Amino acid sequence: MVIRIVESTDKRRVAALLDRAPRRDTLLERRVARIVDRVEREGDAAVVRFAKRFDGFGGPFEIRASEIDREARRVPRETRDAIRMAARNIARVAQKQVPRGWRISPTAGVEIEQRIVPLDRVGCYVPGGRYPLPSSLLMTAIPARVAGVREIVAICPRMDPAVMLAARVAGVTRLLRLGGAHGVAALAFGTPTIPRVDKIVGPGNAYVAAAKALVSSRCAIDFFAGPSEILVVSATGRPAWIAADLLAQAEHDPEARPILVTPSRRLARSVATEMRRQMPTDGPAAKAIARNGAIIVTRTLDEALELSERMAPEHVVCDTRQQAGRLRRAGTVFVGPFSAPASGDYVTGSNHVLPTLGAARGRGGLSAADFVRVSTVQQLSAAGLRRVAPAAIALATAEGLRAHAASIAIRVRTSAS
């Protein structure tokens, strides 16, 4: 299999590679809407029915603490140590991410306080897929715990001992063998046996993503998570390492997007050769390379950096810190030859739940800040209100909101008399 080499001057092909919006699958959306509606109306009965149909499991969904402890003891020592190391690093990074409260007096007699309050209960979705993903449980539950969330409910349609150990290490309070659109709906609306949460986070398949989008008006979510993306910007990288990084992200999903952008034709040819050498004969990585993989040859390094900014990808890899300073639209940026993106998927401590499909234009990855409410408390003294009243009344009048102006004016008149 040959990875495509595309000239940056071929605007049509470059646009097809970089400028993608989330694909609408109206048939899938209708199916998910029916599932979500049934769960909202029928509660546990619908959840049990869909779990039997899609997951081959009909409950009880909750995994008891004794089972979690028993299964966790089966995890090999090497994996146990890796989970604990990852958990420590994720927690250390998350501690830096929690917003801080403050107070300020912008005008004498006016006090504004920023208050940081943890969410009460969150739901963490852990994909089952081909393999259970304990790393996704760590990445979603630990920032919530660090932020101070009291109840962390994790659901996974296909449980294994490593996921159970991760739940124990991460501080999950309830672990449910549940998944799919029905699991998302149960968390969003609540049922007699499944608690309603304030926010749902975590990646999943197209059904999970569609369900999260549907419930987002009733329950907060992190963001829409599409297939994995990696864009490598390099003029001097090692071809074998670049090829390995592209293949690593491609194995997540047949729809993944692995792309190299380089001004070096020599590097482009060498990476293409390495891709052929390292490429598996079958599986999601081979399909992703065939469908969405490419090497774009640019005229300059500046143009390569501009194309990365245009795509706003999930993962970006670049050669130098100077280049990283110019890459502002990315879920996460890896700098230098030893910064393997796969290390960030597991153990560096930075979160691997990241925006895709251009969403990095508006936000970064999941963090502890996603698990708190940032609100304000305002207090004005009589003197403070008198100082700001003329401007407030003038703006209310300009907007035609006379009752707004009157609610301020009545206080000023009364307090002055």
Protein backbone atom coordinates (compact mmCIF):
# COMPACT_ATOMS: atom_id res chain seq x y z
CA MET A 1 0.00 0.00 0.00
CA VAL A 2 1.32 3.47 -0.95
CA ILE A 3 0.60 6.63 1.02
CA ARG A 4 -0.36 9.52 -1.24
CA ILE A 5 2.08 12.36 -1.84
CA VAL A 6 0.21 15.57 -2.64
CA GLU A 7 1.58 18.93 -3.77
CA SER A 8 0.37 21.88 -1.72
CA THR A 9 -0.41 23.64 -4.99
CA ASP A 10 -3.14 21.05 -5.63
CA LYS A 11 -5.77 23.09 -3.79
CA ARG A 12 -8.62 20.67 -4.35
CA ARG A 13 -6.81 17.65 -2.89
CA VAL A 14 -5.39 19.64 0.01
CA ALA A 15 -8.86 20.94 0.85
CA ALA A 16 -10.26 17.40 0.77
CA LEU A 17 -7.60 16.33 3.28
CA LEU A 18 -7.71 19.29 5.68
CA ASP A 19 -11.12 20.96 5.51
CA ARG A 20 -13.52 18.44 6.97
CA ALA A 21 -16.65 19.04 8.99
CA PRO A 22 -18.38 16.34 11.02
CA ARG A 23 -20.19 14.00 8.65
CA ARG A 24 -23.95 13.86 9.04
CA ASP A 25 -25.39 10.36 8.99
CA THR A 26 -29.10 11.08 9.14
CA LEU A 27 -30.06 7.40 9.39
CA LEU A 28 -27.75 6.90 12.38
CA GLU A 29 -29.00 10.12 13.97
CA ARG A 30 -32.63 8.93 13.67
CA ARG A 31 -31.73 5.59 15.26
CA VAL A 32 -29.94 7.31 18.13
CA ALA A 33 -32.81 9.76 18.59
CA ARG A 34 -35.22 6.84 19.01
CA ILE A 35 -32.94 5.20 21.58
CA VAL A 36 -32.51 8.42 23.54
CA ASP A 37 -36.25 9.12 23.48
CA ARG A 38 -37.10 5.61 24.70
CA VAL A 39 -34.63 5.84 27.58
CA GLU A 40 -36.00 9.24 28.60
CA ARG A 41 -39.60 7.96 28.57
CA GLU A 42 -39.17 4.39 29.82
CA GLY A 43 -36.08 4.55 32.03
CA ASP A 44 -34.55 1.28 33.22
CA ALA A 45 -36.82 -0.90 31.07
CA ALA A 46 -35.48 0.71 27.90
CA VAL A 47 -31.88 0.63 29.13
CA VAL A 48 -32.11 -3.10 29.87
CA ARG A 49 -33.71 -3.80 26.50
CA PHE A 50 -31.06 -1.89 24.54
CA ALA A 51 -28.20 -3.32 26.60
CA LYS A 52 -29.35 -6.85 25.78
CA ARG A 53 -29.73 -5.96 22.12
CA PHE A 54 -26.47 -4.07 21.57
CA ASP A 55 -24.13 -5.28 24.32
CA GLY A 56 -25.43 -8.79 24.94
CA PHE A 57 -25.84 -7.92 28.60
CA GLY A 58 -28.98 -7.19 30.59
CA GLY A 59 -27.71 -6.29 34.05
CA PRO A 60 -27.40 -5.78 36.88
CA PHE A 61 -25.24 -2.98 35.53
CA GLU A 62 -23.47 -1.85 38.67
CA ILE A 63 -20.23 -3.63 39.51
CA ARG A 64 -19.83 -4.21 43.21
CA ALA A 65 -16.74 -3.06 45.07
CA SER A 66 -15.86 -6.67 45.93
CA GLU A 67 -15.87 -7.63 42.23
CA ILE A 68 -13.77 -4.60 41.33
CA ASP A 69 -11.18 -5.52 43.97
CA ARG A 70 -11.16 -9.18 42.95
CA GLU A 71 -10.72 -8.45 39.26
CA ALA A 72 -8.18 -5.68 39.84
CA ARG A 73 -5.92 -8.17 41.61
CA ARG A 74 -5.72 -10.14 38.36
CA VAL A 75 -3.99 -7.29 36.52
CA PRO A 76 -0.32 -8.10 35.81
CA ARG A 77 2.17 -6.18 37.94
CA GLU A 78 3.67 -4.34 34.95
CA THR A 79 0.21 -3.03 33.95
CA ARG A 80 -0.65 -2.15 37.57
CA ASP A 81 2.53 -0.09 37.86
CA ALA A 82 1.84 1.63 34.52
CA ILE A 83 -1.72 2.56 35.57
CA ARG A 84 -0.47 4.02 38.84
CA MET A 85 2.30 5.99 37.12
CA ALA A 86 -0.15 7.39 34.57
CA ALA A 87 -2.59 8.28 37.35
CA ARG A 88 0.08 10.19 39.29
CA ASN A 89 1.10 12.21 36.25
CA ILE A 90 -2.48 12.97 35.20
CA ALA A 91 -3.27 14.17 38.73
CA ARG A 92 -0.19 16.40 38.88
CA VAL A 93 -1.11 18.10 35.60
CA ALA A 94 -4.78 18.38 36.60
CA GLN A 95 -3.89 20.13 39.85
CA LYS A 96 -2.40 22.98 37.80
CA GLN A 97 -5.53 23.23 35.66
CA VAL A 98 -8.13 23.98 38.34
CA PRO A 99 -9.16 27.66 38.05
CA ARG A 100 -8.56 29.85 41.08
CA GLY A 101 -11.04 32.07 42.86
CA TRP A 102 -10.39 35.78 43.37
CA ARG A 103 -11.96 39.07 44.47
CA ILE A 104 -11.63 42.49 42.89
CA SER A 105 -13.11 45.94 43.40
CA PRO A 106 -13.30 47.51 39.91
CA THR A 107 -14.90 50.64 41.41
CA ALA A 108 -15.01 51.75 45.03
CA GLY A 109 -18.05 50.16 46.69
CA VAL A 110 -18.33 47.38 44.08
CA GLU A 111 -16.94 43.93 44.87
CA ILE A 112 -16.79 41.03 42.42
CA GLU A 113 -15.81 37.53 43.50
CA GLN A 114 -15.02 34.65 41.17
CA ARG A 115 -16.21 31.46 42.79
CA ILE A 116 -15.02 27.99 41.77
CA VAL A 117 -17.45 25.19 42.66
CA PRO A 118 -16.96 21.54 41.60
CA LEU A 119 -19.75 19.81 39.70
CA ASP A 120 -21.76 17.47 41.93
CA ARG A 121 -21.80 14.37 39.74
CA VAL A 122 -20.18 13.55 36.38
CA GLY A 123 -20.37 10.63 33.98
CA CYS A 124 -17.24 9.26 32.32
CA TYR A 125 -17.74 7.24 29.15
CA VAL A 126 -15.07 4.56 28.59
CA PRO A 127 -15.17 2.98 25.13
CA GLY A 128 -15.31 -0.82 24.85
CA GLY A 129 -14.55 -1.30 21.16
CA ARG A 130 -11.97 -3.86 20.14
CA TYR A 131 -10.07 -3.37 23.39
CA PRO A 132 -11.09 -1.86 26.74
CA LEU A 133 -9.34 1.45 27.38
CA PRO A 134 -8.25 1.95 31.00
CA SER A 135 -6.31 5.03 29.86
CA SER A 136 -9.56 6.77 28.88
CA LEU A 137 -11.01 6.11 32.31
CA LEU A 138 -7.92 7.65 33.95
CA MET A 139 -8.01 10.67 31.64
CA THR A 140 -11.65 11.47 32.40
CA ALA A 141 -12.07 10.47 36.05
CA ILE A 142 -8.85 11.79 37.57
CA PRO A 143 -9.30 15.45 36.49
CA ALA A 144 -12.84 15.25 37.89
CA ARG A 145 -11.57 13.94 41.21
CA VAL A 146 -8.82 16.57 41.38
CA ALA A 147 -11.42 19.29 40.65
CA GLY A 148 -13.37 18.13 43.70
CA VAL A 149 -16.30 16.28 42.09
CA ARG A 150 -17.92 14.14 44.79
CA GLU A 151 -19.57 11.49 42.59
CA ILE A 152 -17.87 10.06 39.52
CA VAL A 153 -19.93 7.52 37.58
CA ALA A 154 -18.00 5.58 34.92
CA ILE A 155 -19.69 3.41 32.30
CA CYS A 156 -18.06 0.94 29.94
CA PRO A 157 -19.86 -1.61 27.74
CA ARG A 158 -16.99 -4.10 27.85
CA MET A 159 -15.28 -4.29 31.20
CA ASP A 160 -11.97 -5.97 31.95
CA PRO A 161 -9.68 -6.15 35.01
CA ALA A 162 -7.47 -3.26 33.84
CA VAL A 163 -10.49 -0.94 33.55
CA MET A 164 -11.62 -1.99 37.03
CA LEU A 165 -8.19 -1.28 38.48
CA ALA A 166 -8.12 2.10 36.73
CA ALA A 167 -11.53 2.89 38.25
CA ARG A 168 -10.25 2.06 41.71
CA VAL A 169 -7.05 4.11 41.26
CA ALA A 170 -8.93 7.07 39.73
CA GLY A 171 -11.44 7.32 42.57
CA VAL A 172 -14.58 6.34 40.61
CA THR A 173 -17.54 6.10 42.98
CA ARG A 174 -19.80 3.96 40.77
CA LEU A 175 -18.77 1.68 37.90
CA LEU A 176 -21.45 0.43 35.47
CA ARG A 177 -21.22 -2.22 32.78
CA LEU A 178 -23.10 -0.10 30.27
CA GLY A 179 -22.42 1.75 27.04
CA GLY A 180 -23.73 3.02 23.75
CA ALA A 181 -26.36 5.67 23.12
CA HIS A 182 -28.57 4.11 25.79
CA GLY A 183 -25.81 4.52 28.37
CA VAL A 184 -25.33 8.17 27.47
CA ALA A 185 -29.08 8.81 27.67
CA ALA A 186 -29.32 7.07 31.05
CA LEU A 187 -26.59 9.32 32.46
CA ALA A 188 -28.16 12.44 30.95
CA PHE A 189 -31.72 11.84 32.18
CA GLY A 190 -31.25 9.49 35.10
CA THR A 191 -33.29 6.36 35.87
CA PRO A 192 -34.34 4.72 39.14
CA THR A 193 -31.04 2.79 39.18
CA ILE A 194 -28.69 5.05 37.20
CA PRO A 195 -28.00 8.53 38.59
CA ARG A 196 -28.45 11.65 36.51
CA VAL A 197 -25.15 13.50 36.04
CA ASP A 198 -24.27 17.16 35.53
CA LYS A 199 -21.85 16.47 32.68
CA ILE A 200 -20.83 13.59 30.40
CA VAL A 201 -17.24 13.34 29.17
CA GLY A 202 -15.18 10.88 27.21
CA PRO A 203 -14.80 9.56 23.66
CA GLY A 204 -16.92 6.92 21.95
CA ASN A 205 -18.13 5.65 18.61
CA ALA A 206 -20.51 7.42 16.24
CA TYR A 207 -23.56 6.32 18.27
CA VAL A 208 -22.06 7.71 21.46
CA ALA A 209 -21.09 10.98 19.78
CA ALA A 210 -24.57 11.40 18.30
CA ALA A 211 -26.19 10.66 21.66
CA LYS A 212 -24.00 13.21 23.43
CA ALA A 213 -24.96 15.82 20.85
CA LEU A 214 -28.66 15.02 21.32
CA VAL A 215 -28.61 15.28 25.12
CA SER A 216 -26.35 18.34 25.25
CA SER A 217 -29.28 20.73 25.69
CA ARG A 218 -30.24 18.88 28.88
CA CYS A 219 -26.87 17.71 30.18
CA ALA A 220 -23.48 19.34 29.62
CA ILE A 221 -20.91 17.44 27.55
CA ASP A 222 -17.21 17.97 26.88
CA PHE A 223 -17.24 18.19 23.06
CA PHE A 224 -17.91 16.21 19.90
CA ALA A 225 -15.16 13.61 19.54
CA GLY A 226 -14.56 12.29 16.04
CA PRO A 227 -11.90 9.91 14.69
CA SER A 228 -8.28 10.45 15.73
CA GLU A 229 -6.12 12.97 13.84
CA ILE A 230 -2.39 13.55 13.65
CA LEU A 231 -0.55 16.11 11.57
CA VAL A 232 3.25 16.04 11.56
CA VAL A 233 4.99 19.25 10.49
CA SER A 234 8.64 18.46 9.83
CA ALA A 235 11.58 19.30 7.63
CA THR A 236 14.25 17.37 9.53
CA GLY A 237 12.54 14.50 11.36
CA ARG A 238 13.52 10.84 11.26
CA PRO A 239 11.48 9.08 8.57
CA ALA A 240 11.03 5.82 10.51
CA TRP A 241 9.84 7.66 13.61
CA ILE A 242 7.43 9.87 11.67
CA ALA A 243 5.97 6.82 9.91
CA ALA A 244 5.57 5.06 13.25
CA ASP A 245 3.70 8.05 14.72
CA LEU A 246 1.34 8.24 11.75
CA LEU A 247 0.57 4.53 11.99
CA ALA A 248 0.10 4.69 15.77
CA GLN A 249 -2.74 7.20 15.51
CA ALA A 250 -4.13 5.50 12.40
CA GLU A 251 -4.70 2.25 14.31
CA HIS A 252 -7.36 3.92 16.46
CA ASP A 253 -9.97 3.98 13.72
CA PRO A 254 -10.35 3.30 9.97
CA GLU A 255 -11.53 6.92 9.67
CA ALA A 256 -8.45 8.36 11.41
CA ARG A 257 -6.50 11.07 9.58
CA PRO A 258 -2.69 10.64 9.56
CA ILE A 259 -0.94 13.43 7.61
CA LEU A 260 2.64 14.63 7.17
CA VAL A 261 3.23 18.18 5.92
CA THR A 262 6.81 18.92 4.88
CA PRO A 263 8.78 21.26 2.60
CA SER A 264 11.33 18.45 2.03
CA ARG A 265 10.69 16.16 -0.94
CA ARG A 266 13.47 13.92 0.30
CA LEU A 267 11.77 13.51 3.67
CA ALA A 268 8.42 12.92 1.96
CA ARG A 269 9.84 10.08 -0.14
CA SER A 270 11.66 8.55 2.83
CA VAL A 271 8.56 8.59 5.02
CA ALA A 272 6.51 7.04 2.21
CA THR A 273 9.09 4.25 1.97
CA GLU A 274 8.96 3.70 5.73
CA MET A 275 5.16 3.64 5.67
CA ARG A 276 5.26 0.82 3.13
CA ARG A 277 7.79 -1.06 5.25
CA GLN A 278 5.97 -0.67 8.56
CA MET A 279 2.39 -0.86 7.29
CA PRO A 280 0.29 -3.78 8.57
CA THR A 281 -1.36 -5.74 5.79
CA ASP A 282 -4.83 -5.30 7.27
CA GLY A 283 -6.71 -3.63 10.11
CA PRO A 284 -7.80 -0.07 10.93
CA ALA A 285 -4.36 1.50 10.35
CA ALA A 286 -4.12 0.21 6.78
CA LYS A 287 -7.68 1.38 6.07
CA ALA A 288 -7.07 4.80 7.58
CA ILE A 289 -3.90 5.32 5.53
CA ALA A 290 -5.71 4.28 2.35
CA ARG A 291 -8.74 6.52 3.01
CA ASN A 292 -7.31 9.58 4.71
CA GLY A 293 -3.52 9.33 4.90
CA ALA A 294 -1.31 11.66 2.89
CA ILE A 295 1.99 13.50 2.69
CA ILE A 296 1.62 17.12 1.60
CA VAL A 297 4.74 18.69 0.11
CA THR A 298 4.79 22.45 0.66
CA ARG A 299 6.92 25.17 -0.87
CA THR A 300 8.17 26.41 2.50
CA LEU A 301 8.10 25.49 6.18
CA ASP A 302 5.95 28.56 6.81
CA GLU A 303 3.34 27.15 4.44
CA ALA A 304 3.47 23.82 6.28
CA LEU A 305 2.77 25.57 9.59
CA GLU A 306 -0.09 27.53 7.98
CA LEU A 307 -1.69 24.30 6.76
CA SER A 308 -1.55 22.90 10.28
CA GLU A 309 -3.31 26.01 11.60
CA ARG A 310 -5.90 25.63 8.86
CA MET A 311 -6.71 22.03 9.86
CA ALA A 312 -6.60 22.66 13.66
CA PRO A 313 -5.88 18.96 14.29
CA GLU A 314 -6.14 16.85 17.41
CA HIS A 315 -2.40 16.02 17.58
CA VAL A 316 0.40 18.05 16.01
CA VAL A 317 4.07 17.03 15.97
CA CYS A 318 6.77 19.59 15.08
CA ASP A 319 10.56 19.85 15.16
CA THR A 320 11.26 22.86 17.41
CA ARG A 321 9.89 24.99 20.25
CA GLN A 322 9.90 27.98 17.90
CA GLN A 323 7.52 26.16 15.56
CA ALA A 324 5.35 25.09 18.49
CA GLY A 325 4.98 28.75 19.46
CA ARG A 326 3.33 29.40 16.11
CA LEU A 327 0.95 26.42 16.36
CA ARG A 328 -1.99 27.86 18.27
CA ARG A 329 -4.77 25.69 16.83
CA ALA A 330 -4.24 22.15 18.07
CA GLY A 331 -5.56 19.83 20.73
CA THR A 332 -1.98 19.14 21.83
CA VAL A 333 1.47 19.79 20.33
CA PHE A 334 4.46 17.44 20.62
CA VAL A 335 7.87 19.03 20.14
CA GLY A 336 11.06 17.31 19.03
CA PRO A 337 12.05 13.78 18.00
CA PHE A 338 11.54 12.08 21.37
CA SER A 339 8.06 13.48 22.05
CA ALA A 340 6.15 10.46 20.79
CA PRO A 341 2.41 11.23 20.59
CA ALA A 342 1.67 7.75 21.93
CA SER A 343 3.38 8.71 25.20
CA GLY A 344 0.77 11.46 25.57
CA ASP A 345 -1.97 8.90 25.01
CA TYR A 346 -0.92 7.19 28.22
CA VAL A 347 1.59 8.53 30.71
CA THR A 348 2.83 12.10 30.27
CA GLY A 349 -0.10 13.45 32.30
CA SER A 350 -1.52 15.68 29.58
CA ASN A 351 -5.06 14.65 28.66
CA HIS A 352 -5.70 12.50 25.60
CA VAL A 353 -9.39 13.45 25.33
CA LEU A 354 -8.90 16.07 22.63
CA PRO A 355 -10.97 18.07 20.10
CA THR A 356 -11.14 16.81 16.51
CA LEU A 357 -12.57 17.94 13.17
CA GLY A 358 -11.38 21.51 13.62
CA ALA A 359 -12.83 21.99 17.11
CA ALA A 360 -9.35 22.98 18.31
CA ARG A 361 -10.10 26.39 16.79
CA GLY A 362 -12.27 27.01 19.82
CA ARG A 363 -10.90 24.90 22.69
CA GLY A 364 -8.20 22.55 23.88
CA GLY A 365 -8.41 19.12 25.45
CA LEU A 366 -10.28 17.93 28.51
CA SER A 367 -8.93 19.34 31.76
CA ALA A 368 -9.79 19.73 35.42
CA ALA A 369 -11.33 23.10 34.49
CA ASP A 370 -14.11 21.19 32.68
CA PHE A 371 -15.35 19.84 36.01
CA VAL A 372 -16.04 23.07 37.89
CA ARG A 373 -18.60 25.85 37.71
CA VAL A 374 -17.01 29.27 37.39
CA SER A 375 -19.50 31.81 38.70
CA THR A 376 -19.45 35.29 40.20
CA VAL A 377 -20.78 36.89 43.35
CA GLN A 378 -21.45 40.65 43.22
CA GLN A 379 -22.00 43.08 46.06
CA LEU A 380 -22.52 46.85 45.83
CA SER A 381 -22.69 49.33 48.67
CA ALA A 382 -25.03 52.35 48.52
CA ALA A 383 -22.07 54.54 47.57
CA GLY A 384 -20.93 52.01 44.99
CA LEU A 385 -24.34 51.92 43.34
CA ARG A 386 -24.44 55.73 43.18
CA ARG A 387 -21.07 55.74 41.42
CA VAL A 388 -22.09 53.32 38.67
CA ALA A 389 -25.80 54.24 38.42
CA PRO A 390 -25.54 57.04 35.82
CA ALA A 391 -23.68 54.79 33.34
CA ALA A 392 -25.96 51.81 34.01
CA ILE A 393 -29.11 53.92 33.58
CA ALA A 394 -27.73 55.46 30.38
CA LEU A 395 -27.00 52.04 28.85
CA ALA A 396 -30.39 50.63 29.89
CA THR A 397 -32.12 53.65 28.35
CA ALA A 398 -30.10 53.29 25.13
CA GLU A 399 -31.29 49.69 24.87
CA GLY A 400 -34.90 50.66 25.50
CA LEU A 401 -35.10 48.70 28.75
CA ARG A 402 -36.85 51.18 30.96
CA ALA A 403 -37.55 48.75 33.80
CA HIS A 404 -33.82 48.04 34.06
CA ALA A 405 -33.12 51.75 34.45
CA ALA A 406 -35.97 52.17 36.94
CA SER A 407 -34.72 49.32 39.16
CA ILE A 408 -31.45 51.20 39.62
CA ALA A 409 -32.94 54.69 39.85
CA ILE A 410 -35.38 53.72 42.64
CA ARG A 411 -32.50 52.62 44.83
CA VAL A 412 -30.50 55.77 44.22
CA ARG A 413 -33.52 57.98 45.04
CA THR A 414 -34.53 56.02 48.11
CA SER A 415 -31.05 55.77 49.59
CA ALA A 416 -30.48 59.50 49.06
CA SER A 417 -33.67 60.54 50.90
